[in-house]
Structure formats: C-alpha cells, structure tokens
C-alpha cells in the first residue's frame, strides 16, 4: 500500500485507521447516493455519470502509462559498444 510507503512509522497506524474509516463510509454512503440518483433523476443520468467516471479513469490511466514508458525509456542503461563479442571469435 502506498500509505505504508509514504508515512513515517509513528503515524502509520493513524493513517491506516483513517483509510479504513473512509472505505467503510464509502461502502455505506455510495450505494445510497447511487440509489437516490437513479430514483430521483433517472436511470439515464446514472449511466451517464458512470460513463463519465470511466472515461476519466481511462484518461488518467493513459497519462500514467505514457509517463511510465517515457521514464523507462529515458532511464534505461546505456549499451556497451566495446568488449567481448558473442558472434565472432575475435
């Protein structure tokens, strides 16, 4: 988990407790809010909001993937041009 990597040891239990608290609140509040949106505003709006959330996630994933590939390419080790050749008996 990222929290265990970025938090100092003394504050780690507090941060993990808050994370668990908000996960619990989200599991209770999320379905309630989704049900109210569907009930009061209609099924079509609910699906539209889900589609927009998915598109935003895809955009964020694509940007993150492009940054990772760019970093992997720019930080790769340089190849050695001198030394032993595996293809010849020189």
N, C-alpha and C. Protein backbone atom coordinates (compact mmCIF):
# COMPACT_ATOMS: atom_id res chain seq x y z
N UNK A 1 0.84 -1.18 0.00
CA UNK A 1 0.00 0.00 0.00
C UNK A 1 0.88 1.24 0.00
N UNK A 2 0.38 2.25 -0.62
CA UNK A 2 1.15 3.49 -0.72
C UNK A 2 1.29 4.15 0.65
N UNK A 3 0.27 4.05 1.48
CA UNK A 3 0.32 4.69 2.79
C UNK A 3 1.47 4.15 3.63
N UNK A 4 1.70 2.86 3.56
CA UNK A 4 2.79 2.29 4.36
C UNK A 4 4.15 2.72 3.83
N UNK A 5 4.22 3.11 2.57
CA UNK A 5 5.49 3.57 1.99
C UNK A 5 5.78 5.03 2.28
N UNK A 6 4.74 5.87 2.32
CA UNK A 6 4.98 7.31 2.42
C UNK A 6 4.85 7.86 3.83
N UNK A 7 4.22 7.12 4.73
CA UNK A 7 4.01 7.62 6.09
C UNK A 7 5.14 7.17 7.01
N UNK A 8 5.56 8.03 7.92
CA UNK A 8 6.54 7.59 8.92
C UNK A 8 5.92 6.54 9.84
N UNK A 9 6.77 5.76 10.45
CA UNK A 9 6.31 4.63 11.27
C UNK A 9 5.37 5.07 12.39
N UNK A 10 5.63 6.23 12.97
CA UNK A 10 4.83 6.69 14.11
C UNK A 10 3.41 7.07 13.70
N UNK A 11 3.20 7.51 12.46
CA UNK A 11 1.89 7.98 12.01
C UNK A 11 1.16 6.94 11.14
N UNK A 12 1.78 5.80 10.92
CA UNK A 12 1.22 4.80 10.01
C UNK A 12 -0.10 4.22 10.50
N UNK A 13 -0.22 3.92 11.78
CA UNK A 13 -1.46 3.34 12.31
C UNK A 13 -2.61 4.33 12.21
N UNK A 14 -2.35 5.60 12.46
CA UNK A 14 -3.38 6.63 12.34
C UNK A 14 -3.85 6.74 10.89
N UNK A 15 -2.91 6.75 9.94
CA UNK A 15 -3.27 6.88 8.53
C UNK A 15 -4.05 5.66 8.05
N UNK A 16 -3.65 4.46 8.45
CA UNK A 16 -4.38 3.26 8.03
C UNK A 16 -5.77 3.21 8.68
N UNK A 17 -5.89 3.71 9.90
CA UNK A 17 -7.20 3.79 10.54
C UNK A 17 -8.14 4.72 9.79
N UNK A 18 -7.62 5.88 9.37
CA UNK A 18 -8.44 6.82 8.60
C UNK A 18 -8.82 6.22 7.25
N UNK A 19 -7.90 5.51 6.63
CA UNK A 19 -8.21 4.86 5.36
C UNK A 19 -9.34 3.85 5.53
N UNK A 20 -9.29 3.03 6.56
CA UNK A 20 -10.35 2.08 6.82
C UNK A 20 -11.68 2.75 7.12
N UNK A 21 -11.63 3.86 7.85
CA UNK A 21 -12.84 4.61 8.16
C UNK A 21 -13.51 5.12 6.89
N UNK A 22 -12.74 5.71 6.00
CA UNK A 22 -13.33 6.26 4.79
C UNK A 22 -13.77 5.17 3.81
N UNK A 23 -13.09 4.04 3.79
CA UNK A 23 -13.59 2.91 3.00
C UNK A 23 -14.95 2.45 3.53
N UNK A 24 -15.09 2.36 4.84
CA UNK A 24 -16.35 1.96 5.44
C UNK A 24 -17.47 2.95 5.15
N UNK A 25 -17.17 4.23 5.27
CA UNK A 25 -18.18 5.25 4.96
C UNK A 25 -18.57 5.18 3.49
N UNK A 26 -17.60 4.98 2.62
CA UNK A 26 -17.89 4.89 1.19
C UNK A 26 -18.76 3.69 0.84
N UNK A 27 -18.58 2.59 1.55
CA UNK A 27 -19.40 1.40 1.28
C UNK A 27 -20.84 1.59 1.70
N UNK A 28 -21.08 2.45 2.68
CA UNK A 28 -22.45 2.71 3.13
C UNK A 28 -23.08 3.85 2.32
N UNK A 29 -22.35 4.93 2.15
CA UNK A 29 -22.90 6.12 1.50
C UNK A 29 -22.99 5.95 -0.02
N UNK A 30 -22.04 5.28 -0.64
CA UNK A 30 -22.01 5.14 -2.09
C UNK A 30 -23.25 4.51 -2.69
N UNK A 31 -23.67 3.34 -2.23
CA UNK A 31 -24.89 2.76 -2.79
C UNK A 31 -26.14 3.60 -2.49
N UNK A 32 -26.16 4.26 -1.34
CA UNK A 32 -27.31 5.11 -1.02
C UNK A 32 -27.40 6.28 -2.00
N UNK A 33 -26.27 6.94 -2.24
CA UNK A 33 -26.27 8.08 -3.17
C UNK A 33 -26.59 7.61 -4.59
N UNK A 34 -26.02 6.48 -4.99
CA UNK A 34 -26.33 5.95 -6.32
C UNK A 34 -27.80 5.60 -6.49
N UNK A 35 -28.39 5.02 -5.45
CA UNK A 35 -29.82 4.71 -5.50
C UNK A 35 -30.68 5.96 -5.56
N UNK A 36 -30.29 6.99 -4.83
CA UNK A 36 -31.06 8.24 -4.87
C UNK A 36 -30.94 8.93 -6.22
N UNK A 37 -29.78 8.89 -6.84
CA UNK A 37 -29.61 9.46 -8.18
C UNK A 37 -30.50 8.73 -9.17
N UNK A 38 -30.49 7.40 -9.10
CA UNK A 38 -31.30 6.61 -10.02
C UNK A 38 -32.79 6.82 -9.77
N UNK A 39 -33.18 6.87 -8.53
CA UNK A 39 -34.60 7.01 -8.19
C UNK A 39 -35.15 8.40 -8.56
N UNK A 40 -34.40 9.44 -8.22
CA UNK A 40 -34.92 10.79 -8.39
C UNK A 40 -34.60 11.42 -9.74
N UNK A 41 -33.46 11.11 -10.30
CA UNK A 41 -33.04 11.78 -11.54
C UNK A 41 -33.11 10.88 -12.76
N UNK A 42 -33.32 9.60 -12.56
CA UNK A 42 -33.49 8.71 -13.70
C UNK A 42 -32.29 7.81 -13.96
N UNK A 43 -32.59 6.72 -14.62
CA UNK A 43 -31.59 5.71 -14.93
C UNK A 43 -30.57 6.22 -15.94
N UNK A 44 -31.02 7.05 -16.87
CA UNK A 44 -30.13 7.52 -17.94
C UNK A 44 -29.02 8.41 -17.35
N UNK A 45 -29.36 9.30 -16.43
CA UNK A 45 -28.35 10.15 -15.83
C UNK A 45 -27.35 9.33 -15.02
N UNK A 46 -27.84 8.31 -14.34
CA UNK A 46 -26.96 7.44 -13.57
C UNK A 46 -25.95 6.77 -14.48
N UNK A 47 -26.38 6.27 -15.62
CA UNK A 47 -25.48 5.62 -16.57
C UNK A 47 -24.51 6.64 -17.18
N UNK A 48 -24.99 7.85 -17.44
CA UNK A 48 -24.12 8.89 -17.98
C UNK A 48 -23.01 9.25 -17.00
N UNK A 49 -23.34 9.38 -15.72
CA UNK A 49 -22.33 9.67 -14.72
C UNK A 49 -21.30 8.54 -14.62
N UNK A 50 -21.77 7.31 -14.70
CA UNK A 50 -20.84 6.17 -14.66
C UNK A 50 -19.93 6.17 -15.89
N UNK A 51 -20.47 6.53 -17.05
CA UNK A 51 -19.68 6.59 -18.27
C UNK A 51 -18.61 7.68 -18.17
N UNK A 52 -18.97 8.83 -17.62
CA UNK A 52 -18.00 9.92 -17.47
C UNK A 52 -16.89 9.53 -16.49
N UNK A 53 -17.24 8.85 -15.41
CA UNK A 53 -16.23 8.41 -14.45
C UNK A 53 -15.27 7.41 -15.11
N UNK A 54 -15.82 6.53 -15.95
CA UNK A 54 -14.98 5.55 -16.63
C UNK A 54 -14.04 6.23 -17.62
N UNK A 55 -14.54 7.21 -18.35
CA UNK A 55 -13.68 7.92 -19.31
C UNK A 55 -12.58 8.68 -18.59
N UNK A 56 -12.89 9.30 -17.46
CA UNK A 56 -11.85 9.99 -16.69
C UNK A 56 -10.80 9.01 -16.20
N UNK A 57 -11.23 7.83 -15.77
CA UNK A 57 -10.27 6.83 -15.31
C UNK A 57 -9.37 6.38 -16.46
N UNK A 58 -9.94 6.22 -17.65
CA UNK A 58 -9.14 5.81 -18.80
C UNK A 58 -8.12 6.88 -19.17
N UNK A 59 -8.52 8.14 -19.08
CA UNK A 59 -7.59 9.23 -19.39
C UNK A 59 -6.45 9.26 -18.39
N UNK A 60 -6.76 9.15 -17.11
CA UNK A 60 -5.73 9.16 -16.08
C UNK A 60 -4.79 7.96 -16.25
N UNK A 61 -5.35 6.77 -16.55
CA UNK A 61 -4.53 5.58 -16.77
C UNK A 61 -3.61 5.78 -17.97
N UNK A 62 -4.12 6.34 -19.06
CA UNK A 62 -3.31 6.54 -20.26
C UNK A 62 -2.17 7.49 -20.01
N UNK A 63 -2.43 8.58 -19.28
CA UNK A 63 -1.37 9.53 -18.97
C UNK A 63 -0.32 8.88 -18.08
N UNK A 64 -0.76 8.11 -17.09
CA UNK A 64 0.19 7.44 -16.20
C UNK A 64 1.04 6.42 -16.95
N UNK A 65 0.41 5.67 -17.84
CA UNK A 65 1.15 4.69 -18.64
C UNK A 65 2.17 5.37 -19.54
N UNK A 66 1.79 6.47 -20.17
CA UNK A 66 2.72 7.19 -21.05
C UNK A 66 3.90 7.73 -20.25
N UNK A 67 3.66 8.25 -19.04
CA UNK A 67 4.75 8.75 -18.20
C UNK A 67 5.67 7.61 -17.78
N UNK A 68 5.10 6.46 -17.45
CA UNK A 68 5.91 5.30 -17.05
C UNK A 68 6.80 4.84 -18.20
N UNK A 69 6.23 4.74 -19.40
CA UNK A 69 7.00 4.29 -20.56
C UNK A 69 8.10 5.30 -20.87
N UNK A 70 7.77 6.59 -20.80
CA UNK A 70 8.78 7.62 -21.06
C UNK A 70 9.92 7.53 -20.06
N UNK A 71 9.58 7.35 -18.78
CA UNK A 71 10.63 7.22 -17.77
C UNK A 71 11.46 5.95 -17.98
N UNK A 72 10.79 4.85 -18.33
CA UNK A 72 11.52 3.60 -18.55
C UNK A 72 12.49 3.73 -19.72
N UNK A 73 12.07 4.43 -20.75
CA UNK A 73 12.94 4.60 -21.93
C UNK A 73 14.07 5.57 -21.61
N UNK A 74 13.77 6.66 -20.93
CA UNK A 74 14.81 7.67 -20.68
C UNK A 74 15.80 7.23 -19.61
N UNK A 75 15.41 6.34 -18.72
CA UNK A 75 16.30 5.92 -17.64
C UNK A 75 16.97 4.57 -17.88
N UNK A 76 16.78 3.99 -19.07
CA UNK A 76 17.39 2.68 -19.32
C UNK A 76 18.90 2.81 -19.39
N UNK A 77 19.61 1.77 -19.01
CA UNK A 77 21.07 1.85 -19.01
C UNK A 77 21.62 1.93 -20.43
N UNK A 78 22.75 2.61 -20.56
CA UNK A 78 23.39 2.75 -21.86
C UNK A 78 24.04 1.42 -22.26
N UNK A 79 23.99 1.11 -23.53
CA UNK A 79 24.60 -0.14 -24.01
C UNK A 79 26.11 0.04 -24.16
N UNK A 80 26.83 -1.03 -23.93
CA UNK A 80 28.29 -1.02 -24.03
C UNK A 80 28.65 -1.43 -25.44
N UNK A 81 29.48 -0.62 -26.12
CA UNK A 81 29.84 -0.94 -27.50
C UNK A 81 31.16 -1.69 -27.60
N UNK A 82 31.95 -1.67 -26.56
CA UNK A 82 33.23 -2.39 -26.61
C UNK A 82 33.15 -3.58 -25.69
N UNK A 83 34.05 -4.49 -25.85
CA UNK A 83 34.07 -5.65 -25.01
C UNK A 83 33.98 -6.93 -25.80
N UNK A 84 33.56 -8.01 -25.19
CA UNK A 84 33.53 -9.31 -25.81
C UNK A 84 32.35 -9.41 -26.79
N UNK A 85 32.59 -10.02 -27.92
CA UNK A 85 31.55 -10.23 -28.92
C UNK A 85 31.12 -11.70 -28.86
N UNK A 86 29.83 -11.92 -28.79
CA UNK A 86 29.30 -13.28 -28.73
C UNK A 86 29.18 -13.93 -30.10
N UNK A 87 29.26 -13.11 -31.16
CA UNK A 87 29.03 -13.65 -32.51
C UNK A 87 30.32 -13.98 -33.27
N UNK A 88 31.44 -13.49 -32.82
CA UNK A 88 32.68 -13.76 -33.56
C UNK A 88 33.74 -14.33 -32.61
N UNK A 89 34.80 -14.85 -33.19
CA UNK A 89 35.88 -15.46 -32.41
C UNK A 89 37.07 -14.50 -32.27
N UNK A 90 36.86 -13.22 -32.38
CA UNK A 90 37.95 -12.23 -32.32
C UNK A 90 38.56 -12.16 -30.96
